[in-house]
């Protein structure tokens, strides 16, 4: 029986993980849950899965949760903790075997690092851990003799492909991208794309930020950076191919010319189950691959002229960890501004490029330094945003 701690249990990945646990009560048990402010949903999860400890994002939310559980007659009520320290406790309970890190943003870094420091196996669904602090995270995992198991479908696919041979026999990694909603749009159409059009992803149903990042191909850029740290491939050994069918999640080429591809249905429960059960595989009752519906596989080169965010991600990766941290921070600020209707879609990449051009590259040696650098990058991105707004109005 594996005991699971879930950082971000009320998000889409956290809910999918709980669905896997619910389907296999003989294999998994929930030990801890964390959430931001979604009191009602966390209360439901507590009643269904009976964790030992939970954490909320604020004192107000924690107090509201306590009232909700008491009024509903929930018994026993778990220990309720708050904030950064509460997340750390939820990630380091002695009983936990696997921590699913699925919180959104750099807020998840301290707890994820605490889990690694405690020697926990981490199923990673938080991009910021590797994009903003990949060097530190992988060094810590190696030093503690534990493993970062990717939940993201592309990296999970790479992990599976690499089981076909030794790591030193693999020479090229290919991540696939659906191409997003603007695959066949002109540069002019992309520049002025509406919020509704950008959120209309052709394959996946995701949160707003990751959906916009998929439309700009920044999400694929983030995945390239993550793959570099997870698997030790150089930037020149990682390629991106646009694959509209989204059936093949990743491919690995070996030195003898063999190429191993990983295909699966587009359901996050598949990679979550893989990460929770590794090195085993569990039978699936509901996720069989639809071979009848697969009549062709297309692969195309991404157009970095129309989608400059992918180019910026490669440039940041080559520059170093402080640049990739800046990339993530600037992207979050720019995407939020677009979703608020303050800047056009095409301005997202310009804000990010302005931040990367202005910030000097430096070495980050701790999580606190990463968080400080992230905050500085957000302030700079906000200033760049102001310049973009003035330019747009003129």
Protein backbone atom coordinates (compact mmCIF):
# COMPACT_ATOMS: atom_id res chain seq x y z
CA UNK A 1 0.00 0.00 0.00
CA UNK A 2 1.60 3.26 -1.15
CA UNK A 3 0.76 6.38 0.83
CA UNK A 4 0.46 9.50 -1.33
CA UNK A 5 0.81 13.20 -0.52
CA UNK A 6 -0.77 15.55 -3.06
CA UNK A 7 0.41 19.15 -3.32
CA UNK A 8 -2.41 20.90 -5.17
CA UNK A 9 -5.23 18.39 -4.73
CA UNK A 10 -8.02 20.71 -5.96
CA UNK A 11 -6.37 21.39 -9.34
CA UNK A 12 -6.93 19.27 -12.45
CA UNK A 13 -3.86 17.07 -11.91
CA UNK A 14 -4.64 16.62 -8.23
CA UNK A 15 -8.22 15.61 -9.02
CA UNK A 16 -7.01 13.13 -11.65
CA UNK A 17 -4.61 11.63 -9.12
CA UNK A 18 -7.44 11.19 -6.61
CA UNK A 19 -9.48 9.46 -9.32
CA UNK A 20 -6.63 6.97 -9.78
CA UNK A 21 -6.41 6.41 -6.01
CA UNK A 22 -10.17 5.98 -5.72
CA UNK A 23 -10.13 3.33 -8.46
CA UNK A 24 -7.38 1.35 -6.68
CA UNK A 25 -8.04 1.50 -2.92
CA UNK A 26 -6.06 -1.70 -2.47
CA UNK A 27 -2.91 -0.04 -3.85
CA UNK A 28 -3.01 3.58 -2.69
CA UNK A 29 -3.96 5.64 0.33
CA UNK A 30 -4.03 9.43 0.72
CA UNK A 31 -1.75 10.72 3.48
CA UNK A 32 -1.90 14.49 2.92
CA UNK A 33 -3.57 17.09 0.73
CA UNK A 34 -2.89 20.77 0.10
CA UNK A 35 -5.00 23.45 -1.57
CA UNK A 36 -5.06 27.20 -1.97
CA UNK A 37 -8.47 28.66 -1.12
CA UNK A 38 -10.94 26.05 -2.43
CA UNK A 39 -12.46 25.14 0.90
CA UNK A 40 -15.56 23.35 -0.42
CA UNK A 41 -13.69 20.97 -2.71
CA UNK A 42 -10.97 20.17 -0.18
CA UNK A 43 -13.65 19.39 2.38
CA UNK A 44 -15.22 16.92 -0.07
CA UNK A 45 -11.82 15.32 -0.66
CA UNK A 46 -11.18 15.00 3.07
CA UNK A 47 -14.50 13.21 3.58
CA UNK A 48 -13.76 10.84 0.71
CA UNK A 49 -10.08 10.05 1.37
CA UNK A 50 -9.46 10.73 5.10
CA UNK A 51 -5.95 12.25 4.97
CA UNK A 52 -3.92 12.64 8.15
CA UNK A 53 -2.92 16.22 7.37
CA UNK A 54 -4.11 19.00 5.07
CA UNK A 55 -2.85 22.50 4.34
CA UNK A 56 -4.61 25.62 3.11
CA UNK A 57 -3.14 28.73 1.54
CA UNK A 58 -4.25 31.15 4.26
CA UNK A 59 -5.44 31.31 7.88
CA UNK A 60 -8.85 32.45 6.69
CA UNK A 61 -9.21 29.44 4.39
CA UNK A 62 -7.99 27.08 7.12
CA UNK A 63 -10.53 28.47 9.59
CA UNK A 64 -13.29 28.18 6.99
CA UNK A 65 -12.28 24.56 6.33
CA UNK A 66 -12.39 23.74 10.01
CA UNK A 67 -15.91 25.22 10.29
CA UNK A 68 -17.02 23.32 7.17
CA UNK A 69 -15.74 19.99 8.47
CA UNK A 70 -17.19 20.52 11.95
CA UNK A 71 -20.59 21.54 10.63
CA UNK A 72 -20.66 18.56 8.30
CA UNK A 73 -19.86 16.11 11.09
CA UNK A 74 -16.63 14.96 9.48
CA UNK A 75 -14.72 12.55 11.69
CA UNK A 76 -11.90 12.37 12.28
CA UNK A 77 -10.90 15.91 11.31
CA UNK A 78 -7.31 15.88 10.00
CA UNK A 79 -4.59 18.18 11.25
CA UNK A 80 -5.04 21.49 9.40
CA UNK A 81 -1.94 23.53 8.61
CA UNK A 82 -1.36 26.78 6.73
CA UNK A 83 0.86 28.34 4.09
CA UNK A 84 4.43 27.51 3.14
CA UNK A 85 5.16 25.66 6.38
CA UNK A 86 1.93 23.71 6.09
CA UNK A 87 2.84 22.59 2.56
CA UNK A 88 6.27 21.54 3.80
CA UNK A 89 4.67 19.40 6.51
CA UNK A 90 2.28 17.88 3.97
CA UNK A 91 5.23 16.92 1.76
CA UNK A 92 7.40 15.40 4.48
CA UNK A 93 5.11 13.24 6.60
CA UNK A 94 7.02 10.13 7.64
CA UNK A 95 4.26 7.88 6.29
CA UNK A 96 4.39 9.25 2.73
CA UNK A 97 5.93 7.13 -0.03
CA UNK A 98 5.23 9.39 -3.04
CA UNK A 99 4.58 13.12 -3.24
CA UNK A 100 2.65 14.41 -6.25
CA UNK A 101 3.84 17.98 -6.83
CA UNK A 102 1.04 19.63 -8.81
CA UNK A 103 0.73 23.11 -7.33
CA UNK A 104 0.76 25.98 -9.81
CA UNK A 105 3.70 28.39 -9.86
CA UNK A 106 6.87 28.86 -7.84
CA UNK A 107 4.84 28.57 -4.62
CA UNK A 108 5.32 24.82 -4.97
CA UNK A 109 9.13 24.95 -4.95
CA UNK A 110 9.84 24.95 -1.18
CA UNK A 111 7.54 22.00 -0.43
CA UNK A 112 8.82 19.99 -3.39
CA UNK A 113 12.41 20.58 -2.33
CA UNK A 114 11.48 19.60 1.23
CA UNK A 115 10.06 16.32 -0.09
CA UNK A 116 13.29 15.62 -1.98
CA UNK A 117 15.35 16.56 1.08
CA UNK A 118 13.30 14.02 3.06
CA UNK A 119 14.11 11.35 0.47
CA UNK A 120 10.57 11.09 -0.88
CA UNK A 121 9.91 9.93 -4.42
CA UNK A 122 8.40 12.90 -6.24
CA UNK A 123 5.89 12.60 -9.07
CA UNK A 124 6.40 15.95 -10.74
CA UNK A 125 3.61 17.92 -12.40
CA UNK A 126 4.83 21.39 -11.40
CA UNK A 127 6.77 22.87 -14.31
CA UNK A 128 8.34 25.65 -12.25
CA UNK A 129 10.39 23.18 -10.20
CA UNK A 130 12.54 22.37 -13.23
CA UNK A 131 12.11 25.53 -15.31
CA UNK A 132 13.03 27.89 -12.46
CA UNK A 133 15.26 25.59 -10.38
CA UNK A 134 16.12 22.53 -12.44
CA UNK A 135 19.81 22.41 -11.59
CA UNK A 136 19.14 22.61 -7.86
CA UNK A 137 16.28 20.06 -7.96
CA UNK A 138 18.15 17.41 -9.92
CA UNK A 139 21.30 17.83 -7.82
CA UNK A 140 19.26 17.38 -4.63
CA UNK A 141 17.43 14.31 -5.95
CA UNK A 142 20.74 12.74 -6.95
CA UNK A 143 22.33 13.53 -3.59
CA UNK A 144 19.39 12.06 -1.67
CA UNK A 145 19.21 8.96 -3.86
CA UNK A 146 15.60 9.60 -4.85
CA UNK A 147 13.93 10.17 -8.20
CA UNK A 148 11.88 12.81 -9.96
CA UNK A 149 9.20 10.92 -11.91
CA UNK A 150 7.59 13.08 -14.61
CA UNK A 151 3.80 13.25 -14.78
CA UNK A 152 3.66 15.58 -17.78
CA UNK A 153 2.64 13.36 -20.70
CA UNK A 154 5.64 14.17 -22.93
CA UNK A 155 8.28 13.60 -20.25
CA UNK A 156 6.45 10.58 -18.94
CA UNK A 157 6.65 9.23 -22.50
CA UNK A 158 10.40 9.91 -22.65
CA UNK A 159 10.85 8.10 -19.34
CA UNK A 160 9.12 5.08 -20.82
CA UNK A 161 11.08 5.23 -24.09
CA UNK A 162 14.40 5.33 -22.24
CA UNK A 163 13.60 1.99 -20.63
CA UNK A 164 14.32 0.46 -24.06
CA UNK A 165 18.06 0.98 -23.66
CA UNK A 166 20.88 2.48 -21.63
CA UNK A 167 20.92 6.26 -21.26
CA UNK A 168 24.31 6.46 -23.02
CA UNK A 169 22.75 4.68 -26.01
CA UNK A 170 20.15 7.44 -26.50
CA UNK A 171 21.28 10.31 -28.73
CA UNK A 172 18.17 12.36 -29.54
CA UNK A 173 14.93 13.24 -27.79
CA UNK A 174 11.84 14.48 -29.64
CA UNK A 175 8.91 16.15 -27.87
CA UNK A 176 5.68 16.54 -29.79
CA UNK A 177 3.36 19.54 -29.81
CA UNK A 178 -0.20 19.67 -31.08
CA UNK A 179 0.50 23.06 -32.62
CA UNK A 180 -2.27 24.64 -30.61
CA UNK A 181 -5.21 26.62 -32.01
CA UNK A 182 -3.05 28.78 -34.30
CA UNK A 183 -1.18 26.05 -36.15
CA UNK A 184 -2.42 27.28 -39.54
CA UNK A 185 -2.84 30.98 -38.66
CA UNK A 186 -0.81 33.78 -40.21
CA UNK A 187 1.50 35.99 -38.15
CA UNK A 188 -1.02 38.82 -38.45
CA UNK A 189 -3.87 36.63 -37.20
CA UNK A 190 -1.75 35.42 -34.28
CA UNK A 191 -0.76 38.96 -33.29
CA UNK A 192 -4.38 40.02 -32.77
CA UNK A 193 -5.90 36.68 -31.70
CA UNK A 194 -8.77 36.87 -29.24
CA UNK A 195 -8.74 35.39 -25.75
CA UNK A 196 -11.47 32.91 -26.70
CA UNK A 197 -9.51 31.72 -29.74
CA UNK A 198 -6.30 31.30 -27.73
CA UNK A 199 -8.12 29.25 -25.09
CA UNK A 200 -9.61 26.90 -27.68
CA UNK A 201 -6.99 24.14 -27.49
CA UNK A 202 -7.62 21.35 -30.03
CA UNK A 203 -6.63 18.43 -27.80
CA UNK A 204 -6.36 19.05 -24.06
CA UNK A 205 -8.63 20.68 -21.50
CA UNK A 206 -6.34 22.57 -19.13
CA UNK A 207 -6.07 25.66 -16.96
CA UNK A 208 -5.99 29.07 -18.63
CA UNK A 209 -2.28 29.79 -18.29
CA UNK A 210 -1.06 26.46 -19.65
CA UNK A 211 -3.60 26.70 -22.47
CA UNK A 212 -2.25 30.10 -23.51
CA UNK A 213 1.31 28.77 -23.16
CA UNK A 214 0.34 25.97 -25.51
CA UNK A 215 -1.00 28.50 -28.00
CA UNK A 216 2.31 30.44 -27.97
CA UNK A 217 4.38 27.17 -27.85
CA UNK A 218 5.97 28.47 -24.64
CA UNK A 219 4.65 25.38 -22.88
CA UNK A 220 6.69 23.27 -25.29
CA UNK A 221 9.68 25.49 -24.57
CA UNK A 222 9.23 24.85 -20.87
CA UNK A 223 9.08 21.13 -21.61
CA UNK A 224 12.37 21.31 -23.51
CA UNK A 225 13.99 22.87 -20.43
CA UNK A 226 12.42 20.25 -18.16
CA UNK A 227 13.66 17.44 -20.42
CA UNK A 228 17.19 18.84 -20.25
CA UNK A 229 17.22 18.55 -16.45
CA UNK A 230 15.23 15.34 -16.15
CA UNK A 231 17.18 13.28 -18.67
CA UNK A 232 20.51 15.05 -19.16
CA UNK A 233 20.12 15.77 -22.88
CA UNK A 234 21.85 18.88 -24.23
CA UNK A 235 19.79 21.59 -25.98
CA UNK A 236 21.05 20.31 -29.34
CA UNK A 237 19.81 16.80 -28.50
CA UNK A 238 16.22 17.93 -27.84
CA UNK A 239 13.91 18.60 -30.78
CA UNK A 240 10.28 19.62 -31.08
CA UNK A 241 7.94 18.31 -33.76
CA UNK A 242 4.41 19.55 -34.35
CA UNK A 243 2.13 16.51 -34.30
CA UNK A 244 -1.55 17.55 -34.60
CA UNK A 245 -2.95 14.10 -33.76
CA UNK A 246 -1.36 14.22 -30.27
CA UNK A 247 -1.14 10.42 -30.27
CA UNK A 248 2.66 10.23 -30.03
CA UNK A 249 3.82 12.07 -26.93
CA UNK A 250 7.57 11.70 -27.40
CA UNK A 251 10.25 9.77 -29.24
CA UNK A 252 13.82 8.76 -28.42
CA UNK A 253 16.42 7.93 -31.05
CA UNK A 254 19.22 5.53 -30.13
CA UNK A 255 22.75 5.37 -31.53
CA UNK A 256 21.94 2.38 -33.76
CA UNK A 257 19.27 4.40 -35.60
CA UNK A 258 16.32 2.85 -33.78
CA UNK A 259 13.54 5.22 -32.72
CA UNK A 260 11.24 4.33 -29.84
CA UNK A 261 7.94 6.24 -29.61
CA UNK A 262 5.40 6.39 -26.80
CA UNK A 263 1.71 6.61 -27.68
CA UNK A 264 -1.27 6.75 -25.34
CA UNK A 265 -4.70 8.24 -25.00
CA UNK A 266 -4.90 11.92 -24.00
CA UNK A 267 -5.88 11.32 -20.39
CA UNK A 268 -3.67 12.50 -17.51
CA UNK A 269 -4.64 9.50 -15.41
CA UNK A 270 -2.34 7.39 -17.60
CA UNK A 271 0.96 9.16 -16.76
CA UNK A 272 -0.16 9.70 -13.15
CA UNK A 273 -0.74 5.97 -12.70
CA UNK A 274 2.64 5.24 -14.32
CA UNK A 275 4.41 7.60 -11.91
CA UNK A 276 2.62 6.20 -8.85
CA UNK A 277 3.30 2.56 -9.71
CA UNK A 278 6.80 2.79 -11.29
CA UNK A 279 8.67 0.51 -11.88
CA UNK A 280 5.52 -1.62 -12.21
CA UNK A 281 2.70 -1.15 -14.69
CA UNK A 282 -0.91 -1.50 -13.65
CA UNK A 283 -3.65 -2.81 -15.89
CA UNK A 284 -6.16 -0.22 -17.10
CA UNK A 285 -9.85 -0.90 -17.42
CA UNK A 286 -10.73 2.27 -19.27
CA UNK A 287 -7.72 3.67 -21.14
CA UNK A 288 -7.27 1.38 -24.14
CA UNK A 289 -5.72 3.05 -27.18
CA UNK A 290 -8.09 3.83 -30.05
CA UNK A 291 -6.32 2.18 -32.99
CA UNK A 292 -9.43 2.44 -35.16
CA UNK A 293 -9.44 6.23 -34.91
CA UNK A 294 -5.75 6.55 -35.79
CA UNK A 295 -5.38 6.67 -39.56
CA UNK A 296 -2.35 8.95 -39.94
CA UNK A 297 0.55 10.49 -38.02
CA UNK A 298 1.86 13.90 -39.15
CA UNK A 299 5.08 15.52 -37.96
CA UNK A 300 6.15 19.06 -38.88
CA UNK A 301 8.86 21.52 -37.89
CA UNK A 302 7.66 24.29 -35.56
CA UNK A 303 7.69 27.81 -37.00
CA UNK A 304 9.68 29.93 -34.52
CA UNK A 305 9.05 33.06 -36.58
CA UNK A 306 5.31 32.82 -35.89
CA UNK A 307 5.89 31.30 -32.44
CA UNK A 308 8.99 33.07 -31.03
CA UNK A 309 8.40 31.82 -27.47
CA UNK A 310 9.88 28.44 -28.41
CA UNK A 311 13.06 30.16 -29.63
CA UNK A 312 13.24 32.21 -26.42
CA UNK A 313 13.02 29.04 -24.33
CA UNK A 314 15.98 27.47 -26.14
CA UNK A 315 17.97 30.69 -25.72
CA UNK A 316 17.19 30.84 -22.01
CA UNK A 317 18.13 27.18 -21.52
CA UNK A 318 21.51 27.79 -23.11
CA UNK A 319 22.04 30.90 -20.95
CA UNK A 320 21.42 29.12 -17.63
CA UNK A 321 19.05 28.66 -14.72
CA UNK A 322 18.57 32.35 -13.88
CA UNK A 323 17.45 32.95 -17.49
CA UNK A 324 14.94 30.09 -17.43
CA UNK A 325 13.65 31.39 -14.08
CA UNK A 326 13.21 34.80 -15.72
CA UNK A 327 11.51 33.19 -18.71
CA UNK A 328 8.87 31.60 -16.49
CA UNK A 329 8.28 34.72 -14.39
CA UNK A 330 7.95 37.03 -17.39
CA UNK A 331 5.63 34.58 -19.14
CA UNK A 332 3.30 34.39 -16.16
CA UNK A 333 3.04 38.20 -15.99
CA UNK A 334 2.52 38.56 -19.76
CA UNK A 335 -0.06 35.77 -20.02
CA UNK A 336 -2.05 37.23 -17.11
CA UNK A 337 -2.05 40.63 -18.85
CA UNK A 338 -3.32 39.05 -22.07
CA UNK A 339 -6.08 37.16 -20.27
CA UNK A 340 -7.12 40.44 -18.65
CA UNK A 341 -7.39 42.02 -22.10
CA UNK A 342 -4.57 44.50 -21.45
CA UNK A 343 -2.18 43.45 -24.24
CA UNK A 344 -2.57 41.71 -27.61
CA UNK A 345 -1.61 38.07 -27.97
CA UNK A 346 1.51 38.92 -29.96
CA UNK A 347 2.84 41.11 -27.14
CA UNK A 348 3.35 38.09 -24.84
CA UNK A 349 6.62 37.12 -26.52
CA UNK A 350 7.81 40.75 -26.72
CA UNK A 351 7.43 41.26 -22.97
CA UNK A 352 9.33 38.04 -22.28
CA UNK A 353 12.13 38.86 -24.72
CA UNK A 354 12.51 42.32 -23.19
CA UNK A 355 13.01 40.81 -19.73
CA UNK A 356 15.57 38.28 -20.99
CA UNK A 357 17.50 41.01 -22.81
CA UNK A 358 17.62 43.26 -19.75
CA UNK A 359 18.52 40.79 -17.00
CA UNK A 360 22.14 39.64 -16.52
CA UNK A 361 22.64 35.89 -16.14
CA UNK A 362 23.81 34.74 -12.71
CA UNK A 363 24.11 31.54 -10.75
CA UNK A 364 21.31 30.69 -8.28
CA UNK A 365 22.45 28.50 -5.39
CA UNK A 366 19.34 28.03 -3.21
CA UNK A 367 15.56 27.96 -3.36
CA UNK A 368 15.44 31.31 -1.58
CA UNK A 369 17.68 32.82 -4.27
CA UNK A 370 15.41 31.38 -6.93
CA UNK A 371 12.35 32.92 -5.26
CA UNK A 372 14.09 36.30 -4.90
CA UNK A 373 15.16 36.22 -8.54
CA UNK A 374 11.65 35.24 -9.58
CA UNK A 375 10.21 38.22 -7.71
CA UNK A 376 12.73 40.59 -9.32
CA UNK A 377 11.90 39.21 -12.77
CA UNK A 378 8.19 39.75 -12.16
CA UNK A 379 8.80 43.38 -11.22
CA UNK A 380 10.85 43.86 -14.38
CA UNK A 381 8.18 42.13 -16.49
CA UNK A 382 5.57 44.48 -15.05
CA UNK A 383 7.69 47.46 -16.10
CA UNK A 384 8.15 45.97 -19.58
CA UNK A 385 4.40 45.48 -19.70
CA UNK A 386 3.88 49.19 -19.11
CA UNK A 387 6.19 49.99 -22.02
CA UNK A 388 4.27 47.57 -24.24
CA UNK A 389 0.97 49.16 -23.26
CA UNK A 390 2.28 52.62 -24.12
CA UNK A 391 3.60 51.35 -27.47
CA UNK A 392 0.29 49.67 -28.28
CA UNK A 393 -1.68 52.83 -27.53
CA UNK A 394 0.61 54.94 -29.72
